Amino acid sequence: MNATKRNYRASFILDNRGREETVDQMIEGVKQVIAEVKGEVSAVENVGRKDFVRVTDKKLTAAHYVQIKFSGPADSPANLREKLRLNQSVYRTFIQSA
């Protein structure tokens, strides 16, 4: 492993209400954003649709969960959050070191 690269596991909650694209197309879009921040995707796990334990929006009580493992520079999590902040298809993002 390169000393400048770190491993991360990112969990995404995808919101496809009112969208024509499928969940797989949304996952490909997230993978493209990871590549833009110089990350290399190693594994993708589509967990599926799950109900929320705590509902913050009464119109959205469940969504698709996806976990992506990737490696990248130390600033890639912050850059990824910033790029996905305005993306309407990604409802929540959680990134942790693996």
PDB file of N, CA and C in Angstrom:
ATOM      1  N   MET A   1       0.829  -1.178   0.000  1.00  0.00           N
ATOM      2  CA  MET A   1       0.000   0.000   0.000  1.00  0.00           C
ATOM      3  C   MET A   1       0.875   1.244   0.000  1.00  0.00           C
ATOM      4  N   ASN A   2       0.495   2.191  -0.788  1.00  0.00           N
ATOM      5  CA  ASN A   2       1.225   3.444  -0.881  1.00  0.00           C
ATOM      6  C   ASN A   2       1.038   4.243   0.410  1.00  0.00           C
ATOM      7  N   ALA A   3       2.095   4.876   0.901  1.00  0.00           N
ATOM      8  CA  ALA A   3       2.042   5.600   2.170  1.00  0.00           C
ATOM      9  C   ALA A   3       1.128   6.820   2.098  1.00  0.00           C
ATOM     10  N   THR A   4       0.880   7.347   0.905  1.00  0.00           N
ATOM     11  CA  THR A   4       0.036   8.526   0.783  1.00  0.00           C
ATOM     12  C   THR A   4      -1.444   8.182   0.644  1.00  0.00           C
ATOM     13  N   LYS A   5      -1.761   6.917   0.481  1.00  0.00           N
ATOM     14  CA  LYS A   5      -3.152   6.492   0.324  1.00  0.00           C
ATOM     15  C   LYS A   5      -3.670   5.891   1.625  1.00  0.00           C
ATOM     16  N   ARG A   6      -4.927   6.142   1.909  1.00  0.00           N
ATOM     17  CA  ARG A   6      -5.581   5.562   3.077  1.00  0.00           C
ATOM     18  C   ARG A   6      -6.840   4.842   2.616  1.00  0.00           C
ATOM     19  N   ASN A   7      -7.268   3.874   3.425  1.00  0.00           N
ATOM     20  CA  ASN A   7      -8.476   3.121   3.099  1.00  0.00           C
ATOM     21  C   ASN A   7      -9.662   3.703   3.855  1.00  0.00           C
ATOM     22  N   TYR A   8     -10.812   3.765   3.172  1.00  0.00           N
ATOM     23  CA  TYR A   8     -12.024   4.324   3.745  1.00  0.00           C
ATOM     24  C   TYR A   8     -13.210   3.421   3.427  1.00  0.00           C
ATOM     25  N   ARG A   9     -14.216   3.498   4.304  1.00  0.00           N
ATOM     26  CA  ARG A   9     -15.500   2.854   4.037  1.00  0.00           C
ATOM     27  C   ARG A   9     -16.558   3.940   4.138  1.00  0.00           C
ATOM     28  N   ALA A  10     -17.270   4.158   3.058  1.00  0.00           N
ATOM     29  CA  ALA A  10     -18.282   5.208   3.008  1.00  0.00           C
ATOM     30  C   ALA A  10     -19.659   4.571   2.900  1.00  0.00           C
ATOM     31  N   SER A  11     -20.588   5.089   3.682  1.00  0.00           N
ATOM     32  CA  SER A  11     -21.985   4.652   3.620  1.00  0.00           C
ATOM     33  C   SER A  11     -22.804   5.809   3.073  1.00  0.00           C
ATOM     34  N   PHE A  12     -23.640   5.504   2.104  1.00  0.00           N
ATOM     35  CA  PHE A  12     -24.474   6.519   1.470  1.00  0.00           C
ATOM     36  C   PHE A  12     -25.933   6.107   1.574  1.00  0.00           C
ATOM     37  N   ILE A  13     -26.798   7.083   1.806  1.00  0.00           N
ATOM     38  CA  ILE A  13     -28.231   6.877   1.728  1.00  0.00           C
ATOM     39  C   ILE A  13     -28.681   7.627   0.485  1.00  0.00           C
ATOM     40  N   LEU A  14     -29.245   6.890  -0.460  1.00  0.00           N
ATOM     41  CA  LEU A  14     -29.634   7.462  -1.749  1.00  0.00           C
ATOM     42  C   LEU A  14     -31.128   7.748  -1.787  1.00  0.00           C
ATOM     43  N   ASP A  15     -31.487   8.906  -2.301  1.00  0.00           N
ATOM     44  CA  ASP A  15     -32.876   9.340  -2.398  1.00  0.00           C
ATOM     45  C   ASP A  15     -33.256   9.399  -3.873  1.00  0.00           C
ATOM     46  N   ASN A  16     -34.110   8.486  -4.311  1.00  0.00           N
ATOM     47  CA  ASN A  16     -34.490   8.462  -5.725  1.00  0.00           C
ATOM     48  C   ASN A  16     -35.942   8.884  -5.947  1.00  0.00           C
ATOM     49  N   ARG A  17     -36.499   9.652  -5.043  1.00  0.00           N
ATOM     50  CA  ARG A  17     -37.870  10.145  -5.228  1.00  0.00           C
ATOM     51  C   ARG A  17     -37.921  11.103  -6.405  1.00  0.00           C
ATOM     52  N   GLY A  18     -38.833  10.844  -7.324  1.00  0.00           N
ATOM     53  CA  GLY A  18     -39.033  11.727  -8.462  1.00  0.00           C
ATOM     54  C   GLY A  18     -37.910  11.735  -9.476  1.00  0.00           C
ATOM     55  N   ARG A  19     -37.099  10.705  -9.497  1.00  0.00           N
ATOM     56  CA  ARG A  19     -35.973  10.647 -10.434  1.00  0.00           C
ATOM     57  C   ARG A  19     -36.169   9.495 -11.413  1.00  0.00           C
ATOM     58  N   GLU A  20     -35.691   9.719 -12.613  1.00  0.00           N
ATOM     59  CA  GLU A  20     -35.781   8.711 -13.660  1.00  0.00           C
ATOM     60  C   GLU A  20     -34.683   7.661 -13.538  1.00  0.00           C
ATOM     61  N   GLU A  21     -33.550   8.032 -12.972  1.00  0.00           N
ATOM     62  CA  GLU A  21     -32.412   7.115 -12.927  1.00  0.00           C
ATOM     63  C   GLU A  21     -32.615   6.028 -11.873  1.00  0.00           C
ATOM     64  N   THR A  22     -32.022   4.868 -12.145  1.00  0.00           N
ATOM     65  CA  THR A  22     -32.126   3.744 -11.221  1.00  0.00           C
ATOM     66  C   THR A  22     -31.088   3.881 -10.114  1.00  0.00           C
ATOM     67  N   VAL A  23     -31.203   3.024  -9.108  1.00  0.00           N
ATOM     68  CA  VAL A  23     -30.250   3.033  -8.002  1.00  0.00           C
ATOM     69  C   VAL A  23     -28.856   2.699  -8.514  1.00  0.00           C
ATOM     70  N   ASP A  24     -28.750   1.757  -9.461  1.00  0.00           N
ATOM     71  CA  ASP A  24     -27.440   1.398 -10.018  1.00  0.00           C
ATOM     72  C   ASP A  24     -26.795   2.588 -10.735  1.00  0.00           C
ATOM     73  N   GLN A  25     -27.581   3.382 -11.427  1.00  0.00           N
ATOM     74  CA  GLN A  25     -27.038   4.564 -12.094  1.00  0.00           C
ATOM     75  C   GLN A  25     -26.584   5.600 -11.061  1.00  0.00           C
ATOM     76  N   MET A  26     -27.315   5.701  -9.956  1.00  0.00           N
ATOM     77  CA  MET A  26     -26.921   6.624  -8.893  1.00  0.00           C
ATOM     78  C   MET A  26     -25.609   6.179  -8.254  1.00  0.00           C
ATOM     79  N   ILE A  27     -25.446   4.857  -8.081  1.00  0.00           N
ATOM     80  CA  ILE A  27     -24.196   4.320  -7.526  1.00  0.00           C
ATOM     81  C   ILE A  27     -23.033   4.623  -8.456  1.00  0.00           C
ATOM     82  N   GLU A  28     -23.237   4.470  -9.752  1.00  0.00           N
ATOM     83  CA  GLU A  28     -22.183   4.795 -10.724  1.00  0.00           C
ATOM     84  C   GLU A  28     -21.813   6.269 -10.647  1.00  0.00           C
ATOM     85  N   GLY A  29     -22.795   7.130 -10.432  1.00  0.00           N
ATOM     86  CA  GLY A  29     -22.517   8.552 -10.285  1.00  0.00           C
ATOM     87  C   GLY A  29     -21.664   8.845  -9.058  1.00  0.00           C
ATOM     88  N   VAL A  30     -21.954   8.158  -7.941  1.00  0.00           N
ATOM     89  CA  VAL A  30     -21.159   8.332  -6.731  1.00  0.00           C
ATOM     90  C   VAL A  30     -19.740   7.816  -6.958  1.00  0.00           C
ATOM     91  N   LYS A  31     -19.600   6.697  -7.668  1.00  0.00           N
ATOM     92  CA  LYS A  31     -18.274   6.165  -7.962  1.00  0.00           C
ATOM     93  C   LYS A  31     -17.469   7.137  -8.827  1.00  0.00           C
ATOM     94  N   GLN A  32     -18.135   7.832  -9.737  1.00  0.00           N
ATOM     95  CA  GLN A  32     -17.451   8.828 -10.564  1.00  0.00           C
ATOM     96  C   GLN A  32     -16.952   9.995  -9.717  1.00  0.00           C
ATOM     97  N   VAL A  33     -17.755  10.405  -8.730  1.00  0.00           N
ATOM     98  CA  VAL A  33     -17.335  11.500  -7.847  1.00  0.00           C
ATOM     99  C   VAL A  33     -16.137  11.064  -7.005  1.00  0.00           C
ATOM    100  N   ILE A  34     -16.134   9.809  -6.551  1.00  0.00           N
ATOM    101  CA  ILE A  34     -14.978   9.291  -5.801  1.00  0.00           C
ATOM    102  C   ILE A  34     -13.729   9.325  -6.677  1.00  0.00           C
ATOM    103  N   ALA A  35     -13.873   8.969  -7.945  1.00  0.00           N
ATOM    104  CA  ALA A  35     -12.734   9.021  -8.867  1.00  0.00           C
ATOM    105  C   ALA A  35     -12.264  10.464  -9.079  1.00  0.00           C
ATOM    106  N   GLU A  36     -13.191  11.426  -9.057  1.00  0.00           N
ATOM    107  CA  GLU A  36     -12.823  12.832  -9.228  1.00  0.00           C
ATOM    108  C   GLU A  36     -11.973  13.342  -8.069  1.00  0.00           C
ATOM    109  N   VAL A  37     -12.168  12.782  -6.869  1.00  0.00           N
ATOM    110  CA  VAL A  37     -11.366  13.216  -5.710  1.00  0.00           C
ATOM    111  C   VAL A  37     -10.156  12.304  -5.525  1.00  0.00           C
ATOM    112  N   LYS A  38      -9.748  11.628  -6.601  1.00  0.00           N
ATOM    113  CA  LYS A  38      -8.558  10.778  -6.647  1.00  0.00           C
ATOM    114  C   LYS A  38      -8.679   9.536  -5.771  1.00  0.00           C
ATOM    115  N   GLY A  39      -9.888   9.006  -5.663  1.00  0.00           N
ATOM    116  CA  GLY A  39     -10.106   7.774  -4.924  1.00  0.00           C
ATOM    117  C   GLY A  39     -10.229   6.594  -5.861  1.00  0.00           C
ATOM    118  N   GLU A  40      -9.893   5.418  -5.359  1.00  0.00           N
ATOM    119  CA  GLU A  40      -9.985   4.180  -6.145  1.00  0.00           C
ATOM    120  C   GLU A  40     -10.947   3.240  -5.426  1.00  0.00           C
ATOM    121  N   VAL A  41     -12.070   2.938  -6.063  1.00  0.00           N
ATOM    122  CA  VAL A  41     -13.100   2.083  -5.473  1.00  0.00           C
ATOM    123  C   VAL A  41     -12.632   0.634  -5.517  1.00  0.00           C
ATOM    124  N   SER A  42     -12.725  -0.047  -4.374  1.00  0.00           N
ATOM    125  CA  SER A  42     -12.330  -1.449  -4.322  1.00  0.00           C
ATOM    126  C   SER A  42     -13.520  -2.381  -4.150  1.00  0.00           C
ATOM    127  N   ALA A  43     -14.604  -1.926  -3.525  1.00  0.00           N
ATOM    128  CA  ALA A  43     -15.775  -2.785  -3.328  1.00  0.00           C
ATOM    129  C   ALA A  43     -17.021  -1.928  -3.177  1.00  0.00           C
ATOM    130  N   VAL A  44     -18.135  -2.447  -3.727  1.00  0.00           N
ATOM    131  CA  VAL A  44     -19.429  -1.779  -3.619  1.00  0.00           C
ATOM    132  C   VAL A  44     -20.438  -2.795  -3.109  1.00  0.00           C
ATOM    133  N   GLU A  45     -21.182  -2.419  -2.071  1.00  0.00           N
ATOM    134  CA  GLU A  45     -22.216  -3.298  -1.534  1.00  0.00           C
ATOM    135  C   GLU A  45     -23.532  -2.528  -1.488  1.00  0.00           C
ATOM    136  N   ASN A  46     -24.493  -2.978  -2.278  1.00  0.00           N
ATOM    137  CA  ASN A  46     -25.826  -2.387  -2.277  1.00  0.00           C
ATOM    138  C   ASN A  46     -26.621  -3.104  -1.190  1.00  0.00           C
ATOM    139  N   VAL A  47     -26.805  -2.453  -0.051  1.00  0.00           N
ATOM    140  CA  VAL A  47     -27.473  -3.065   1.099  1.00  0.00           C
ATOM    141  C   VAL A  47     -28.971  -3.198   0.842  1.00  0.00           C
ATOM    142  N   GLY A  48     -29.530  -2.306   0.054  1.00  0.00           N
ATOM    143  CA  GLY A  48     -30.943  -2.371  -0.275  1.00  0.00           C
ATOM    144  C   GLY A  48     -31.736  -1.281   0.417  1.00  0.00           C
ATOM    145  N   ARG A  49     -33.041  -1.366   0.258  1.00  0.00           N
ATOM    146  CA  ARG A  49     -33.943  -0.366   0.833  1.00  0.00           C
ATOM    147  C   ARG A  49     -34.232  -0.719   2.286  1.00  0.00           C
ATOM    148  N   LYS A  50     -34.048   0.244   3.163  1.00  0.00           N
ATOM    149  CA  LYS A  50     -34.274   0.051   4.599  1.00  0.00           C
ATOM    150  C   LYS A  50     -35.133   1.187   5.135  1.00  0.00           C
ATOM    151  N   ASP A  51     -35.952   0.874   6.138  1.00  0.00           N
ATOM    152  CA  ASP A  51     -36.730   1.893   6.836  1.00  0.00           C
ATOM    153  C   ASP A  51     -35.836   2.625   7.827  1.00  0.00           C
ATOM    154  N   PHE A  52     -36.076   3.923   7.988  1.00  0.00           N
ATOM    155  CA  PHE A  52     -35.327   4.710   8.953  1.00  0.00           C
ATOM    156  C   PHE A  52     -35.849   4.436  10.360  1.00  0.00           C
ATOM    157  N   VAL A  53     -34.953   4.383  11.333  1.00  0.00           N
ATOM    158  CA  VAL A  53     -35.346   4.246  12.728  1.00  0.00           C
ATOM    159  C   VAL A  53     -35.919   5.573  13.219  1.00  0.00           C
ATOM    160  N   ARG A  54     -35.222   6.653  12.878  1.00  0.00           N
ATOM    161  CA  ARG A  54     -35.696   7.997  13.214  1.00  0.00           C
ATOM    162  C   ARG A  54     -35.990   8.732  11.914  1.00  0.00           C
ATOM    163  N   VAL A  55     -37.227   9.085  11.732  1.00  0.00           N
ATOM    164  CA  VAL A  55     -37.653   9.752  10.505  1.00  0.00           C
ATOM    165  C   VAL A  55     -37.524  11.262  10.694  1.00  0.00           C
ATOM    166  N   THR A  56     -36.717  11.904   9.852  1.00  0.00           N
ATOM    167  CA  THR A  56     -36.554  13.360   9.913  1.00  0.00           C
ATOM    168  C   THR A  56     -37.435  14.066   8.899  1.00  0.00           C
ATOM    169  N   ASP A  57     -37.846  13.351   7.871  1.00  0.00           N
ATOM    170  CA  ASP A  57     -38.708  13.902   6.827  1.00  0.00           C
ATOM    171  C   ASP A  57     -39.875  12.939   6.644  1.00  0.00           C
ATOM    172  N   LYS A  58     -41.089  13.395   6.931  1.00  0.00           N
ATOM    173  CA  LYS A  58     -42.254  12.500   6.864  1.00  0.00           C
ATOM    174  C   LYS A  58     -42.521  11.981   5.459  1.00  0.00           C
ATOM    175  N   LYS A  59     -41.992  12.660   4.455  1.00  0.00           N
ATOM    176  CA  LYS A  59     -42.159  12.220   3.077  1.00  0.00           C
ATOM    177  C   LYS A  59     -41.126  11.173   2.671  1.00  0.00           C
ATOM    178  N   LEU A  60     -40.079  11.010   3.498  1.00  0.00           N
ATOM    179  CA  LEU A  60     -39.026  10.024   3.227  1.00  0.00           C
ATOM    180  C   LEU A  60     -38.845   9.159   4.473  1.00  0.00           C
ATOM    181  N   THR A  61     -39.461   7.988   4.463  1.00  0.00           N
ATOM    182  CA  THR A  61     -39.385   7.096   5.628  1.00  0.00           C
ATOM    183  C   THR A  61     -38.447   5.924   5.395  1.00  0.00           C
ATOM    184  N   ALA A  62     -37.988   5.738   4.156  1.00  0.00           N
ATOM    185  CA  ALA A  62     -37.056   4.657   3.819  1.00  0.00           C
ATOM    186  C   ALA A  62     -36.247   5.081   2.600  1.00  0.00           C
ATOM    187  N   ALA A  63     -35.068   4.486   2.451  1.00  0.00           N
ATOM    188  CA  ALA A  63     -34.209   4.804   1.304  1.00  0.00           C
ATOM    189  C   ALA A  63     -33.228   3.663   1.071  1.00  0.00           C
ATOM    190  N   HIS A  64     -32.485   3.756  -0.040  1.00  0.00           N
ATOM    191  CA  HIS A  64     -31.493   2.745  -0.399  1.00  0.00           C
ATOM    192  C   HIS A  64     -30.160   3.056   0.271  1.00  0.00           C
ATOM    193  N   TYR A  65     -29.567   2.036   0.865  1.00  0.00           N
ATOM    194  CA  TYR A  65     -28.269   2.150   1.523  1.00  0.00           C
ATOM    195  C   TYR A  65     -27.201   1.494   0.649  1.00  0.00           C
ATOM    196  N   VAL A  66     -26.049   2.141   0.539  1.00  0.00           N
ATOM    197  CA  VAL A  66     -24.925   1.629  -0.244  1.00  0.00           C
ATOM    198  C   VAL A  66     -23.650   1.849   0.555  1.00  0.00           C
ATOM    199  N   GLN A  67     -22.786   0.821   0.596  1.00  0.00           N
ATOM    200  CA  GLN A  67     -21.475   0.963   1.221  1.00  0.00           C
ATOM    201  C   GLN A  67     -20.408   0.780   0.150  1.00  0.00           C
ATOM    202  N   ILE A  68     -19.468   1.715   0.124  1.00  0.00           N
ATOM    203  CA  ILE A  68     -18.395   1.688  -0.869  1.00  0.00           C
ATOM    204  C   ILE A  68     -17.065   1.762  -0.138  1.00  0.00           C
ATOM    205  N   LYS A  69     -16.181   0.815  -0.421  1.00  0.00           N
ATOM    206  CA  LYS A  69     -14.823   0.854   0.119  1.00  0.00           C
ATOM    207  C   LYS A  69     -13.923   1.440  -0.956  1.00  0.00           C
ATOM    208  N   PHE A  70     -13.091   2.395  -0.534  1.00  0.00           N
ATOM    209  CA  PHE A  70     -12.183   3.020  -1.489  1.00  0.00           C
ATOM    210  C   PHE A  70     -10.917   3.454  -0.783  1.00  0.00           C
ATOM    211  N   SER A  71      -9.882   3.733  -1.566  1.00  0.00           N
ATOM    212  CA  SER A  71      -8.631   4.260  -1.032  1.00  0.00           C
ATOM    213  C   SER A  71      -8.355   5.581  -1.729  1.00  0.00           C
ATOM    214  N   GLY A  72      -7.698   6.476  -0.983  1.00  0.00           N
ATOM    215  CA  GLY A  72      -7.402   7.779  -1.543  1.00  0.00           C
ATOM    216  C   GLY A  72      -6.556   8.594  -0.599  1.00  0.00           C
ATOM    217  N   PRO A  73      -6.212   9.807  -0.996  1.00  0.00           N
ATOM    218  CA  PRO A  73      -5.413  10.681  -0.151  1.00  0.00           C
ATOM    219  C   PRO A  73      -6.174  11.077   1.119  1.00  0.00           C
ATOM    220  N   ALA A  74      -5.472  11.666   2.062  1.00  0.00           N
ATOM    221  CA  ALA A  74      -6.064  12.018   3.352  1.00  0.00           C
ATOM    222  C   ALA A  74      -7.165  13.061   3.226  1.00  0.00           C
ATOM    223  N   ASP A  75      -7.130  13.896   2.200  1.00  0.00           N
ATOM    224  CA  ASP A  75      -8.155  14.918   2.055  1.00  0.00           C
ATOM    225  C   ASP A  75      -9.348  14.464   1.213  1.00  0.00           C
ATOM    226  N   SER A  76      -9.358  13.223   0.754  1.00  0.00           N
ATOM    227  CA  SER A  76     -10.456  12.759  -0.094  1.00  0.00           C
ATOM    228  C   SER A  76     -11.806  12.700   0.621  1.00  0.00           C
ATOM    229  N   PRO A  77     -11.914  12.332   1.925  1.00  0.00           N
ATOM    230  CA  PRO A  77     -13.236  12.363   2.561  1.00  0.00           C
ATOM    231  C   PRO A  77     -13.857  13.767   2.595  1.00  0.00           C
ATOM    232  N   ALA A  78     -13.070  14.766   2.928  1.00  0.00           N
ATOM    233  CA  ALA A  78     -13.586  16.132   2.961  1.00  0.00           C
ATOM    234  C   ALA A  78     -13.980  16.613   1.567  1.00  0.00           C
ATOM    235  N   ASN A  79     -13.157  16.297   0.580  1.00  0.00           N
ATOM    236  CA  ASN A  79     -13.470  16.681  -0.796  1.00  0.00           C
ATOM    237  C   ASN A  79     -14.715  15.955  -1.304  1.00  0.00           C
ATOM    238  N   LEU A  80     -14.865  14.690  -0.925  1.00  0.00           N
ATOM    239  CA  LEU A  80     -16.033  13.917  -1.345  1.00  0.00           C
ATOM    240  C   LEU A  80     -17.310  14.486  -0.730  1.00  0.00           C
ATOM    241  N   ARG A  81     -17.278  14.794   0.556  1.00  0.00           N
ATOM    242  CA  ARG A  81     -18.448  15.399   1.210  1.00  0.00           C
ATOM    243  C   ARG A  81     -18.826  16.718   0.534  1.00  0.00           C
ATOM    244  N   GLU A  82     -17.823  17.522   0.213  1.00  0.00           N
ATOM    245  CA  GLU A  82     -18.087  18.816  -0.415  1.00  0.00           C
ATOM    246  C   GLU A  82     -18.710  18.655  -1.797  1.00  0.00           C
ATOM    247  N   LYS A  83     -18.230  17.687  -2.571  1.00  0.00           N
ATOM    248  CA  LYS A  83     -18.789  17.471  -3.911  1.00  0.00           C
ATOM    249  C   LYS A  83     -20.205  16.904  -3.860  1.00  0.00           C
ATOM    250  N   LEU A  84     -20.492  16.082  -2.841  1.00  0.00           N
ATOM    251  CA  LEU A  84     -21.815  15.459  -2.743  1.00  0.00           C
ATOM    252  C   LEU A  84     -22.819  16.315  -1.968  1.00  0.00           C
ATOM    253  N   ARG A  85     -22.360  17.408  -1.389  1.00  0.00           N
ATOM    254  CA  ARG A  85     -23.234  18.240  -0.559  1.00  0.00           C
ATOM    255  C   ARG A  85     -24.433  18.764  -1.342  1.00  0.00           C
ATOM    256  N   LEU A  86     -24.240  19.153  -2.563  1.00  0.00           N
ATOM    257  CA  LEU A  86     -25.321  19.696  -3.383  1.00  0.00           C
ATOM    258  C   LEU A  86     -25.983  18.657  -4.281  1.00  0.00           C
ATOM    259  N   ASN A  87     -25.529  17.418  -4.214  1.00  0.00           N
ATOM    260  CA  ASN A  87     -26.104  16.340  -5.011  1.00  0.00           C
ATOM    261  C   ASN A  87     -27.429  15.915  -4.383  1.00  0.00           C
ATOM    262  N   GLN A  88     -28.527  16.122  -5.084  1.00  0.00           N
ATOM    263  CA  GLN A  88     -29.856  15.836  -4.542  1.00  0.00           C
ATOM    264  C   GLN A  88     -30.149  14.344  -4.410  1.00  0.00           C
ATOM    265  N   SER A  89     -29.407  13.498  -5.098  1.00  0.00           N
ATOM    266  CA  SER A  89     -29.670  12.061  -5.027  1.00  0.00           C
ATOM    267  C   SER A  89     -29.009  11.395  -3.826  1.00  0.00           C
ATOM    268  N   VAL A  90     -28.042  12.064  -3.187  1.00  0.00           N
ATOM    269  CA  VAL A  90     -27.386  11.513  -2.000  1.00  0.00           C
ATOM    270  C   VAL A  90     -27.977  12.232  -0.786  1.00  0.00           C
ATOM    271  N   TYR A  91     -28.751  11.469   0.004  1.00  0.00           N
ATOM    272  CA  TYR A  91     -29.449  12.044   1.162  1.00  0.00           C
ATOM    273  C   TYR A  91     -28.506  12.226   2.343  1.00  0.00           C
ATOM    274  N   ARG A  92     -27.688  11.196   2.643  1.00  0.00           N
ATOM    275  CA  ARG A  92     -26.733  11.259   3.746  1.00  0.00           C
ATOM    276  C   ARG A  92     -25.432  10.570   3.334  1.00  0.00           C
ATOM    277  N   THR A  93     -24.315  11.029   3.946  1.00  0.00           N
ATOM    278  CA  THR A  93     -23.002  10.451   3.697  1.00  0.00           C
ATOM    279  C   THR A  93     -22.289  10.253   5.022  1.00  0.00           C
ATOM    280  N   PHE A  94     -21.694   9.073   5.211  1.00  0.00           N
ATOM    281  CA  PHE A  94     -20.890   8.792   6.401  1.00  0.00           C
ATOM    282  C   PHE A  94     -19.608   8.111   5.935  1.00  0.00           C
ATOM    283  N   ILE A  95     -18.451   8.714   6.241  1.00  0.00           N
ATOM    284  CA  ILE A  95     -17.172   8.172   5.796  1.00  0.00           C
ATOM    285  C   ILE A  95     -16.311   7.914   7.022  1.00  0.00           C
ATOM    286  N   GLN A  96     -15.721   6.714   7.078  1.00  0.00           N
ATOM    287  CA  GLN A  96     -14.839   6.376   8.183  1.00  0.00           C
ATOM    288  C   GLN A  96     -13.599   5.679   7.659  1.00  0.00           C
ATOM    289  N   SER A  97     -12.523   5.760   8.423  1.00  0.00           N
ATOM    290  CA  SER A  97     -11.283   5.078   8.053  1.00  0.00           C
ATOM    291  C   SER A  97     -11.458   3.580   8.234  1.00  0.00           C
ATOM    292  N   ALA A  98     -10.896   2.831   7.319  1.00  0.00           N
ATOM    293  CA  ALA A  98     -11.014   1.372   7.405  1.00  0.00           C
ATOM    294  C   ALA A  98      -9.697   0.762   7.822  1.00  0.00           C
TER     295      ALA A  98
END
